């Protein structure tokens, strides 16, 4: 499983390649908003990411915000964005992750 950890919400860079106005996490986000914030744009090993079946989007407190299947990636310069299908209503959402994210990196593989 791939895990993406989101820091606090902040404005996206002008011209964000995914068309987002903000990135990061804020209380009250929907699963769709968490997926859009978490799916990219990251530096990661494309082959390793594609070898995973799912991605969990978590906040810095380890709370699962969204879960999606990984169907592909899109390249954005030297970085990537995940493509996938959000698993709306997954039982893990809203609960602490069973795989705490101990790295300072936003992207982790479990």
C-alpha atoms as a PDB file:
ATOM      1  CA  UNK A   1       0.000   0.000   0.000  1.00  0.00           C
ATOM      2  CA  UNK A   2       1.099   3.536  -0.763  1.00  0.00           C
ATOM      3  CA  UNK A   3       0.460   6.203   1.849  1.00  0.00           C
ATOM      4  CA  UNK A   4       0.445   9.959   1.280  1.00  0.00           C
ATOM      5  CA  UNK A   5       0.625  12.207   4.316  1.00  0.00           C
ATOM      6  CA  UNK A   6      -0.822  15.697   4.003  1.00  0.00           C
ATOM      7  CA  UNK A   7       0.399  18.664   5.995  1.00  0.00           C
ATOM      8  CA  UNK A   8      -1.755  21.675   6.872  1.00  0.00           C
ATOM      9  CA  UNK A   9      -3.748  23.284   4.060  1.00  0.00           C
ATOM     10  CA  UNK A  10      -2.079  26.140   2.205  1.00  0.00           C
ATOM     11  CA  UNK A  11      -2.491  27.897  -1.146  1.00  0.00           C
ATOM     12  CA  UNK A  12      -1.340  25.917  -4.156  1.00  0.00           C
ATOM     13  CA  UNK A  13       1.400  27.329  -6.335  1.00  0.00           C
ATOM     14  CA  UNK A  14       0.119  29.544  -9.160  1.00  0.00           C
ATOM     15  CA  UNK A  15      -0.546  27.365 -12.203  1.00  0.00           C
ATOM     16  CA  UNK A  16      -0.956  24.168 -10.157  1.00  0.00           C
ATOM     17  CA  UNK A  17      -0.816  21.369 -12.731  1.00  0.00           C
ATOM     18  CA  UNK A  18      -3.893  19.666 -11.243  1.00  0.00           C
ATOM     19  CA  UNK A  19      -5.902  22.912 -11.184  1.00  0.00           C
ATOM     20  CA  UNK A  20      -6.065  23.103  -7.376  1.00  0.00           C
ATOM     21  CA  UNK A  21      -6.359  26.366  -5.447  1.00  0.00           C
ATOM     22  CA  UNK A  22      -5.194  24.782  -2.179  1.00  0.00           C
ATOM     23  CA  UNK A  23      -3.148  21.757  -1.157  1.00  0.00           C
ATOM     24  CA  UNK A  24      -2.871  19.985   2.174  1.00  0.00           C
ATOM     25  CA  UNK A  25      -5.342  18.999   4.863  1.00  0.00           C
ATOM     26  CA  UNK A  26      -7.946  20.919   6.860  1.00  0.00           C
ATOM     27  CA  UNK A  27     -10.582  19.734   9.332  1.00  0.00           C
ATOM     28  CA  UNK A  28     -13.901  18.896   7.691  1.00  0.00           C
ATOM     29  CA  UNK A  29     -12.518  17.914   4.283  1.00  0.00           C
ATOM     30  CA  UNK A  30     -14.593  15.490   2.260  1.00  0.00           C
ATOM     31  CA  UNK A  31     -13.056  12.290   0.908  1.00  0.00           C
ATOM     32  CA  UNK A  32     -13.128  13.809  -2.589  1.00  0.00           C
ATOM     33  CA  UNK A  33     -11.240  16.897  -1.399  1.00  0.00           C
ATOM     34  CA  UNK A  34      -8.679  14.746   0.425  1.00  0.00           C
ATOM     35  CA  UNK A  35      -8.162  12.624  -2.707  1.00  0.00           C
ATOM     36  CA  UNK A  36      -7.633  15.718  -4.879  1.00  0.00           C
ATOM     37  CA  UNK A  37      -5.198  17.188  -2.359  1.00  0.00           C
ATOM     38  CA  UNK A  38      -3.326  13.932  -1.848  1.00  0.00           C
ATOM     39  CA  UNK A  39      -3.039  12.383  -5.292  1.00  0.00           C
ATOM     40  CA  UNK A  40      -0.248  14.655  -6.440  1.00  0.00           C
ATOM     41  CA  UNK A  41       2.064  16.169  -7.354  1.00  0.00           C
ATOM     42  CA  UNK A  42       4.879  14.210  -5.692  1.00  0.00           C
ATOM     43  CA  UNK A  43       8.384  12.891  -6.225  1.00  0.00           C
ATOM     44  CA  UNK A  44       8.145   9.113  -5.937  1.00  0.00           C
ATOM     45  CA  UNK A  45       9.330   5.941  -7.593  1.00  0.00           C
ATOM     46  CA  UNK A  46       6.785   5.450 -10.392  1.00  0.00           C
ATOM     47  CA  UNK A  47       7.354   1.693 -10.718  1.00  0.00           C
ATOM     48  CA  UNK A  48       7.049   1.183  -6.988  1.00  0.00           C
ATOM     49  CA  UNK A  49       3.869   3.276  -6.814  1.00  0.00           C
ATOM     50  CA  UNK A  50       2.299   1.365  -9.710  1.00  0.00           C
ATOM     51  CA  UNK A  51       3.085  -1.924  -7.953  1.00  0.00           C
ATOM     52  CA  UNK A  52       0.724  -0.896  -5.123  1.00  0.00           C
ATOM     53  CA  UNK A  53      -3.010  -1.633  -5.249  1.00  0.00           C
ATOM     54  CA  UNK A  54      -4.210   1.162  -2.995  1.00  0.00           C
ATOM     55  CA  UNK A  55      -3.285   4.530  -1.608  1.00  0.00           C
ATOM     56  CA  UNK A  56      -4.301   5.940   1.753  1.00  0.00           C
ATOM     57  CA  UNK A  57      -4.379   9.689   2.201  1.00  0.00           C
ATOM     58  CA  UNK A  58      -3.672  10.528   5.857  1.00  0.00           C
ATOM     59  CA  UNK A  59      -3.096  13.669   7.887  1.00  0.00           C
ATOM     60  CA  UNK A  60      -0.105  14.314  10.143  1.00  0.00           C
ATOM     61  CA  UNK A  61      -2.051  12.873  13.082  1.00  0.00           C
ATOM     62  CA  UNK A  62      -2.405   9.521  11.272  1.00  0.00           C
ATOM     63  CA  UNK A  63      -6.128   9.835  10.544  1.00  0.00           C
ATOM     64  CA  UNK A  64      -7.222   8.247   7.242  1.00  0.00           C
ATOM     65  CA  UNK A  65      -8.873  10.904   5.075  1.00  0.00           C
ATOM     66  CA  UNK A  66      -9.424   8.902   1.877  1.00  0.00           C
ATOM     67  CA  UNK A  67      -8.638   5.534   0.278  1.00  0.00           C
ATOM     68  CA  UNK A  68      -8.371   4.921  -3.465  1.00  0.00           C
ATOM     69  CA  UNK A  69      -7.316   2.203  -5.861  1.00  0.00           C
ATOM     70  CA  UNK A  70      -4.329   3.090  -8.027  1.00  0.00           C
ATOM     71  CA  UNK A  71      -5.001   2.773 -11.755  1.00  0.00           C
ATOM     72  CA  UNK A  72      -2.044   4.740 -13.103  1.00  0.00           C
ATOM     73  CA  UNK A  73       0.105   7.811 -12.791  1.00  0.00           C
ATOM     74  CA  UNK A  74       0.548  10.996 -14.785  1.00  0.00           C
ATOM     75  CA  UNK A  75       3.909  12.686 -15.228  1.00  0.00           C
ATOM     76  CA  UNK A  76       4.366  16.373 -14.430  1.00  0.00           C
ATOM     77  CA  UNK A  77       7.976  17.290 -15.127  1.00  0.00           C
ATOM     78  CA  UNK A  78      10.097  15.329 -12.643  1.00  0.00           C
ATOM     79  CA  UNK A  79       7.087  14.611 -10.424  1.00  0.00           C
ATOM     80  CA  UNK A  80       3.969  12.440 -10.603  1.00  0.00           C
ATOM     81  CA  UNK A  81       0.278  12.436  -9.754  1.00  0.00           C
ATOM     82  CA  UNK A  82      -1.712   9.327  -8.962  1.00  0.00           C
ATOM     83  CA  UNK A  83      -4.665   8.304 -11.053  1.00  0.00           C
ATOM     84  CA  UNK A  84      -7.242   6.105  -9.416  1.00  0.00           C
ATOM     85  CA  UNK A  85     -10.712   5.502  -8.155  1.00  0.00           C
ATOM     86  CA  UNK A  86     -11.770   6.858  -4.785  1.00  0.00           C
ATOM     87  CA  UNK A  87     -13.306   4.194  -2.536  1.00  0.00           C
ATOM     88  CA  UNK A  88     -16.034   6.420  -1.088  1.00  0.00           C
ATOM     89  CA  UNK A  89     -17.267   5.316   2.307  1.00  0.00           C
ATOM     90  CA  UNK A  90     -14.356   2.933   2.954  1.00  0.00           C
ATOM     91  CA  UNK A  91     -14.477   1.745   6.578  1.00  0.00           C
ATOM     92  CA  UNK A  92     -10.903   2.989   7.201  1.00  0.00           C
ATOM     93  CA  UNK A  93     -11.807   6.630   6.589  1.00  0.00           C
ATOM     94  CA  UNK A  94     -12.045   8.646   9.785  1.00  0.00           C
ATOM     95  CA  UNK A  95     -10.007   6.119  11.777  1.00  0.00           C
ATOM     96  CA  UNK A  96      -6.314   6.035  12.693  1.00  0.00           C
ATOM     97  CA  UNK A  97      -4.188   4.269  10.103  1.00  0.00           C
ATOM     98  CA  UNK A  98      -2.892   0.828  11.011  1.00  0.00           C
ATOM     99  CA  UNK A  99       0.430   1.789   9.380  1.00  0.00           C
ATOM    100  CA  UNK A 100       1.666   4.964  11.099  1.00  0.00           C
ATOM    101  CA  UNK A 101       3.703   7.228   8.875  1.00  0.00           C
ATOM    102  CA  UNK A 102       7.024   7.708  10.670  1.00  0.00           C
ATOM    103  CA  UNK A 103       8.982   9.296   7.822  1.00  0.00           C
ATOM    104  CA  UNK A 104       9.433  13.012   7.194  1.00  0.00           C
ATOM    105  CA  UNK A 105       8.702  12.198   3.550  1.00  0.00           C
ATOM    106  CA  UNK A 106       5.094  12.689   2.459  1.00  0.00           C
ATOM    107  CA  UNK A 107       5.160   9.419   0.485  1.00  0.00           C
ATOM    108  CA  UNK A 108       5.621   6.017   2.150  1.00  0.00           C
ATOM    109  CA  UNK A 109       5.247   2.415   0.993  1.00  0.00           C
ATOM    110  CA  UNK A 110       3.872  -0.351   3.218  1.00  0.00           C
END
